[in-house]
């Protein structure tokens, strides 16, 4: 039997704990949209990283002024 870890070519498995209410909302959204939970998490992380990047850029601009 092949190792399951090698089945993922462009992805990495992680272990993490998530708030129970957030998990239920994620599951519901996944069912409603038919988008896998992992894809929804990818999108959420991308949005979070963009938000932090924008916050850092705005803070740097304020320091210059």
PDB file of N, CA and C in Angstrom:
ATOM      1  N   UNK A   1       0.841  -1.189   0.000  1.00  0.00           N
ATOM      2  CA  UNK A   1       0.000   0.000   0.000  1.00  0.00           C
ATOM      3  C   UNK A   1       0.883   1.248   0.000  1.00  0.00           C
ATOM      4  N   UNK A   2       0.567   2.189  -0.856  1.00  0.00           N
ATOM      5  CA  UNK A   2       1.339   3.413  -0.980  1.00  0.00           C
ATOM      6  C   UNK A   2       1.072   4.340   0.205  1.00  0.00           C
ATOM      7  N   UNK A   3       2.102   5.069   0.601  1.00  0.00           N
ATOM      8  CA  UNK A   3       1.989   6.020   1.703  1.00  0.00           C
ATOM      9  C   UNK A   3       1.051   7.159   1.309  1.00  0.00           C
ATOM     10  N   UNK A   4       0.070   7.458   2.133  1.00  0.00           N
ATOM     11  CA  UNK A   4      -0.919   8.504   1.832  1.00  0.00           C
ATOM     12  C   UNK A   4      -0.263   9.868   1.660  1.00  0.00           C
ATOM     13  N   UNK A   5       0.814  10.144   2.405  1.00  0.00           N
ATOM     14  CA  UNK A   5       1.466  11.449   2.317  1.00  0.00           C
ATOM     15  C   UNK A   5       1.955  11.737   0.907  1.00  0.00           C
ATOM     16  N   UNK A   6       2.370  10.708   0.185  1.00  0.00           N
ATOM     17  CA  UNK A   6       2.889  10.921  -1.164  1.00  0.00           C
ATOM     18  C   UNK A   6       1.774  11.166  -2.175  1.00  0.00           C
ATOM     19  N   UNK A   7       0.516  10.970  -1.762  1.00  0.00           N
ATOM     20  CA  UNK A   7      -0.613  11.231  -2.653  1.00  0.00           C
ATOM     21  C   UNK A   7      -0.790  12.726  -2.919  1.00  0.00           C
ATOM     22  N   UNK A   8      -0.282  13.558  -2.040  1.00  0.00           N
ATOM     23  CA  UNK A   8      -0.450  15.007  -2.170  1.00  0.00           C
ATOM     24  C   UNK A   8       0.793  15.594  -2.827  1.00  0.00           C
ATOM     25  N   UNK A   9       0.647  16.008  -4.077  1.00  0.00           N
ATOM     26  CA  UNK A   9       1.799  16.525  -4.813  1.00  0.00           C
ATOM     27  C   UNK A   9       2.040  18.010  -4.550  1.00  0.00           C
ATOM     28  N   UNK A  10       0.968  18.804  -4.495  1.00  0.00           N
ATOM     29  CA  UNK A  10       1.104  20.254  -4.349  1.00  0.00           C
ATOM     30  C   UNK A  10       0.509  20.767  -3.044  1.00  0.00           C
ATOM     31  N   UNK A  11       0.324  19.875  -2.092  1.00  0.00           N
ATOM     32  CA  UNK A  11      -0.317  20.254  -0.835  1.00  0.00           C
ATOM     33  C   UNK A  11       0.437  19.598   0.312  1.00  0.00           C
ATOM     34  N   UNK A  12       0.275  20.137   1.500  1.00  0.00           N
ATOM     35  CA  UNK A  12       0.888  19.587   2.699  1.00  0.00           C
ATOM     36  C   UNK A  12      -0.172  19.432   3.769  1.00  0.00           C
ATOM     37  N   UNK A  13      -0.229  18.271   4.370  1.00  0.00           N
ATOM     38  CA  UNK A  13      -1.165  18.048   5.471  1.00  0.00           C
ATOM     39  C   UNK A  13      -0.661  18.789   6.703  1.00  0.00           C
ATOM     40  N   UNK A  14      -1.597  19.407   7.425  1.00  0.00           N
ATOM     41  CA  UNK A  14      -1.251  20.047   8.686  1.00  0.00           C
ATOM     42  C   UNK A  14      -2.224  19.559   9.749  1.00  0.00           C
ATOM     43  N   UNK A  15      -1.830  19.685  10.975  1.00  0.00           N
ATOM     44  CA  UNK A  15      -2.719  19.376  12.092  1.00  0.00           C
ATOM     45  C   UNK A  15      -2.935  20.657  12.873  1.00  0.00           C
ATOM     46  N   UNK A  16      -4.164  20.967  13.151  1.00  0.00           N
ATOM     47  CA  UNK A  16      -4.464  22.205  13.850  1.00  0.00           C
ATOM     48  C   UNK A  16      -5.787  22.057  14.579  1.00  0.00           C
ATOM     49  N   UNK A  17      -5.993  22.888  15.580  1.00  0.00           N
ATOM     50  CA  UNK A  17      -7.271  22.902  16.299  1.00  0.00           C
ATOM     51  C   UNK A  17      -8.046  24.133  15.855  1.00  0.00           C
ATOM     52  N   UNK A  18      -9.354  23.984  15.703  1.00  0.00           N
ATOM     53  CA  UNK A  18     -10.204  25.077  15.248  1.00  0.00           C
ATOM     54  C   UNK A  18     -11.416  25.159  16.168  1.00  0.00           C
ATOM     55  N   UNK A  19     -11.904  26.354  16.378  1.00  0.00           N
ATOM     56  CA  UNK A  19     -13.093  26.577  17.188  1.00  0.00           C
ATOM     57  C   UNK A  19     -14.250  25.739  16.635  1.00  0.00           C
ATOM     58  N   UNK A  20     -14.985  25.081  17.518  1.00  0.00           N
ATOM     59  CA  UNK A  20     -16.075  24.188  17.089  1.00  0.00           C
ATOM     60  C   UNK A  20     -17.118  24.902  16.239  1.00  0.00           C
ATOM     61  N   UNK A  21     -17.469  26.112  16.614  1.00  0.00           N
ATOM     62  CA  UNK A  21     -18.475  26.871  15.859  1.00  0.00           C
ATOM     63  C   UNK A  21     -17.959  27.228  14.466  1.00  0.00           C
ATOM     64  N   UNK A  22     -16.688  27.616  14.386  1.00  0.00           N
ATOM     65  CA  UNK A  22     -16.102  27.923  13.079  1.00  0.00           C
ATOM     66  C   UNK A  22     -16.076  26.686  12.192  1.00  0.00           C
ATOM     67  N   UNK A  23     -15.774  25.548  12.780  1.00  0.00           N
ATOM     68  CA  UNK A  23     -15.739  24.308  12.007  1.00  0.00           C
ATOM     69  C   UNK A  23     -17.112  23.971  11.443  1.00  0.00           C
ATOM     70  N   UNK A  24     -18.144  24.124  12.247  1.00  0.00           N
ATOM     71  CA  UNK A  24     -19.503  23.849  11.762  1.00  0.00           C
ATOM     72  C   UNK A  24     -19.878  24.794  10.626  1.00  0.00           C
ATOM     73  N   UNK A  25     -19.512  26.070  10.755  1.00  0.00           N
ATOM     74  CA  UNK A  25     -19.800  27.041   9.695  1.00  0.00           C
ATOM     75  C   UNK A  25     -19.022  26.701   8.426  1.00  0.00           C
ATOM     76  N   UNK A  26     -17.782  26.254   8.596  1.00  0.00           N
ATOM     77  CA  UNK A  26     -16.969  25.850   7.447  1.00  0.00           C
ATOM     78  C   UNK A  26     -17.598  24.650   6.742  1.00  0.00           C
ATOM     79  N   UNK A  27     -18.025  23.665   7.509  1.00  0.00           N
ATOM     80  CA  UNK A  27     -18.671  22.487   6.928  1.00  0.00           C
ATOM     81  C   UNK A  27     -19.947  22.874   6.186  1.00  0.00           C
ATOM     82  N   UNK A  28     -20.747  23.743   6.807  1.00  0.00           N
ATOM     83  CA  UNK A  28     -21.991  24.187   6.166  1.00  0.00           C
ATOM     84  C   UNK A  28     -21.706  24.916   4.856  1.00  0.00           C
ATOM     85  N   UNK A  29     -20.729  25.822   4.881  1.00  0.00           N
ATOM     86  CA  UNK A  29     -20.377  26.572   3.675  1.00  0.00           C
ATOM     87  C   UNK A  29     -19.885  25.630   2.584  1.00  0.00           C
ATOM     88  N   UNK A  30     -19.092  24.655   2.970  1.00  0.00           N
ATOM     89  CA  UNK A  30     -18.582  23.680   2.006  1.00  0.00           C
ATOM     90  C   UNK A  30     -19.727  22.906   1.354  1.00  0.00           C
ATOM     91  N   UNK A  31     -20.697  22.503   2.153  1.00  0.00           N
ATOM     92  CA  UNK A  31     -21.852  21.773   1.611  1.00  0.00           C
ATOM     93  C   UNK A  31     -22.680  22.665   0.689  1.00  0.00           C
ATOM     94  N   UNK A  32     -22.913  23.909   1.120  1.00  0.00           N
ATOM     95  CA  UNK A  32     -23.735  24.840   0.329  1.00  0.00           C
ATOM     96  C   UNK A  32     -23.089  25.179  -1.006  1.00  0.00           C
ATOM     97  N   UNK A  33     -21.786  25.388  -0.991  1.00  0.00           N
ATOM     98  CA  UNK A  33     -21.081  25.837  -2.192  1.00  0.00           C
ATOM     99  C   UNK A  33     -20.488  24.693  -3.005  1.00  0.00           C
ATOM    100  N   UNK A  34     -20.448  23.503  -2.403  1.00  0.00           N
ATOM    101  CA  UNK A  34     -19.804  22.340  -3.023  1.00  0.00           C
ATOM    102  C   UNK A  34     -18.312  22.586  -3.274  1.00  0.00           C
ATOM    103  N   UNK A  35     -17.725  23.457  -2.455  1.00  0.00           N
ATOM    104  CA  UNK A  35     -16.292  23.734  -2.509  1.00  0.00           C
ATOM    105  C   UNK A  35     -15.657  22.986  -1.331  1.00  0.00           C
ATOM    106  N   UNK A  36     -14.594  22.205  -1.587  1.00  0.00           N
ATOM    107  CA  UNK A  36     -13.968  21.458  -0.496  1.00  0.00           C
ATOM    108  C   UNK A  36     -13.479  22.378   0.631  1.00  0.00           C
ATOM    109  N   UNK A  37     -13.536  21.864   1.840  1.00  0.00           N
ATOM    110  CA  UNK A  37     -13.096  22.646   2.993  1.00  0.00           C
ATOM    111  C   UNK A  37     -11.656  23.125   2.826  1.00  0.00           C
ATOM    112  N   UNK A  38     -10.798  22.294   2.270  1.00  0.00           N
ATOM    113  CA  UNK A  38      -9.397  22.679   2.106  1.00  0.00           C
ATOM    114  C   UNK A  38      -9.254  23.879   1.170  1.00  0.00           C
ATOM    115  N   UNK A  39     -10.085  23.944   0.134  1.00  0.00           N
ATOM    116  CA  UNK A  39     -10.044  25.091  -0.785  1.00  0.00           C
ATOM    117  C   UNK A  39     -10.556  26.349  -0.091  1.00  0.00           C
ATOM    118  N   UNK A  40     -11.601  26.207   0.713  1.00  0.00           N
ATOM    119  CA  UNK A  40     -12.115  27.353   1.464  1.00  0.00           C
ATOM    120  C   UNK A  40     -11.068  27.856   2.456  1.00  0.00           C
ATOM    121  N   UNK A  41     -10.357  26.936   3.089  1.00  0.00           N
ATOM    122  CA  UNK A  41      -9.291  27.335   4.011  1.00  0.00           C
ATOM    123  C   UNK A  41      -8.157  28.028   3.268  1.00  0.00           C
ATOM    124  N   UNK A  42      -7.809  27.535   2.069  1.00  0.00           N
ATOM    125  CA  UNK A  42      -6.790  28.212   1.248  1.00  0.00           C
ATOM    126  C   UNK A  42      -7.193  29.661   1.003  1.00  0.00           C
ATOM    127  N   UNK A  43      -8.449  29.859   0.602  1.00  0.00           N
ATOM    128  CA  UNK A  43      -8.936  31.207   0.303  1.00  0.00           C
ATOM    129  C   UNK A  43      -8.909  32.087   1.551  1.00  0.00           C
ATOM    130  N   UNK A  44      -9.324  31.537   2.682  1.00  0.00           N
ATOM    131  CA  UNK A  44      -9.338  32.301   3.930  1.00  0.00           C
ATOM    132  C   UNK A  44      -7.926  32.717   4.336  1.00  0.00           C
ATOM    133  N   UNK A  45      -6.968  31.819   4.190  1.00  0.00           N
ATOM    134  CA  UNK A  45      -5.580  32.133   4.541  1.00  0.00           C
ATOM    135  C   UNK A  45      -5.023  33.192   3.601  1.00  0.00           C
ATOM    136  N   UNK A  46      -5.326  33.082   2.306  1.00  0.00           N
ATOM    137  CA  UNK A  46      -4.871  34.091   1.344  1.00  0.00           C
ATOM    138  C   UNK A  46      -5.423  35.468   1.697  1.00  0.00           C
ATOM    139  N   UNK A  47      -6.709  35.535   2.043  1.00  0.00           N
ATOM    140  CA  UNK A  47      -7.317  36.811   2.432  1.00  0.00           C
ATOM    141  C   UNK A  47      -6.664  37.372   3.686  1.00  0.00           C
ATOM    142  N   UNK A  48      -6.396  36.525   4.658  1.00  0.00           N
ATOM    143  CA  UNK A  48      -5.760  36.955   5.897  1.00  0.00           C
ATOM    144  C   UNK A  48      -4.356  37.495   5.634  1.00  0.00           C
ATOM    145  N   UNK A  49      -3.592  36.796   4.807  1.00  0.00           N
ATOM    146  CA  UNK A  49      -2.240  37.246   4.485  1.00  0.00           C
ATOM    147  C   UNK A  49      -2.263  38.579   3.743  1.00  0.00           C
ATOM    148  N   UNK A  50      -3.216  38.746   2.822  1.00  0.00           N
ATOM    149  CA  UNK A  50      -3.355  40.023   2.110  1.00  0.00           C
ATOM    150  C   UNK A  50      -3.684  41.150   3.079  1.00  0.00           C
ATOM    151  N   UNK A  51      -4.578  40.877   4.014  1.00  0.00           N
ATOM    152  CA  UNK A  51      -4.977  41.886   4.992  1.00  0.00           C
ATOM    153  C   UNK A  51      -3.781  42.315   5.841  1.00  0.00           C
ATOM    154  N   UNK A  52      -2.996  41.354   6.298  1.00  0.00           N
ATOM    155  CA  UNK A  52      -1.822  41.687   7.100  1.00  0.00           C
ATOM    156  C   UNK A  52      -0.791  42.439   6.275  1.00  0.00           C
ATOM    157  N   UNK A  53      -0.631  42.068   5.016  1.00  0.00           N
ATOM    158  CA  UNK A  53       0.319  42.767   4.150  1.00  0.00           C
ATOM    159  C   UNK A  53      -0.122  44.213   3.968  1.00  0.00           C
ATOM    160  N   UNK A  54      -1.415  44.428   3.725  1.00  0.00           N
ATOM    161  CA  UNK A  54      -1.932  45.785   3.563  1.00  0.00           C
ATOM    162  C   UNK A  54      -1.769  46.593   4.839  1.00  0.00           C
ATOM    163  N   UNK A  55      -1.996  45.970   5.991  1.00  0.00           N
ATOM    164  CA  UNK A  55      -1.811  46.659   7.267  1.00  0.00           C
ATOM    165  C   UNK A  55      -0.362  47.074   7.444  1.00  0.00           C
ATOM    166  N   UNK A  56       0.583  46.187   7.087  1.00  0.00           N
ATOM    167  CA  UNK A  56       2.006  46.499   7.188  1.00  0.00           C
ATOM    168  C   UNK A  56       2.383  47.642   6.256  1.00  0.00           C
ATOM    169  N   UNK A  57       1.843  47.633   5.027  1.00  0.00           N
ATOM    170  CA  UNK A  57       2.142  48.692   4.068  1.00  0.00           C
ATOM    171  C   UNK A  57       1.582  50.025   4.541  1.00  0.00           C
ATOM    172  N   UNK A  58       0.386  50.026   5.110  1.00  0.00           N
ATOM    173  CA  UNK A  58      -0.207  51.258   5.620  1.00  0.00           C
ATOM    174  C   UNK A  58       0.588  51.783   6.807  1.00  0.00           C
ATOM    175  N   UNK A  59       1.055  50.903   7.674  1.00  0.00           N
ATOM    176  CA  UNK A  59       1.854  51.316   8.823  1.00  0.00           C
ATOM    177  C   UNK A  59       3.176  51.918   8.355  1.00  0.00           C
ATOM    178  N   UNK A  60       3.788  51.336   7.338  1.00  0.00           N
ATOM    179  CA  UNK A  60       5.048  51.855   6.810  1.00  0.00           C
ATOM    180  C   UNK A  60       4.836  53.225   6.188  1.00  0.00           C
ATOM    181  N   UNK A  61       3.712  53.431   5.509  1.00  0.00           N
ATOM    182  CA  UNK A  61       3.399  54.720   4.905  1.00  0.00           C
ATOM    183  C   UNK A  61       3.218  55.777   5.987  1.00  0.00           C
ATOM    184  N   UNK A  62       2.555  55.431   7.066  1.00  0.00           N
ATOM    185  CA  UNK A  62       2.343  56.372   8.165  1.00  0.00           C
ATOM    186  C   UNK A  62       3.658  56.769   8.803  1.00  0.00           C
ATOM    187  N   UNK A  63       4.622  55.847   8.886  1.00  0.00           N
ATOM    188  CA  UNK A  63       5.922  56.145   9.469  1.00  0.00           C
ATOM    189  C   UNK A  63       6.683  57.143   8.613  1.00  0.00           C
ATOM    190  N   UNK A  64       6.531  57.071   7.300  1.00  0.00           N
ATOM    191  CA  UNK A  64       7.231  57.972   6.386  1.00  0.00           C
ATOM    192  C   UNK A  64       6.670  59.381   6.504  1.00  0.00           C
ATOM    193  N   UNK A  65       5.357  59.485   6.682  1.00  0.00           N
ATOM    194  CA  UNK A  65       4.700  60.793   6.758  1.00  0.00           C
ATOM    195  C   UNK A  65       5.042  61.406   8.042  1.00  0.00           C
TER     196      UNK A  65
END
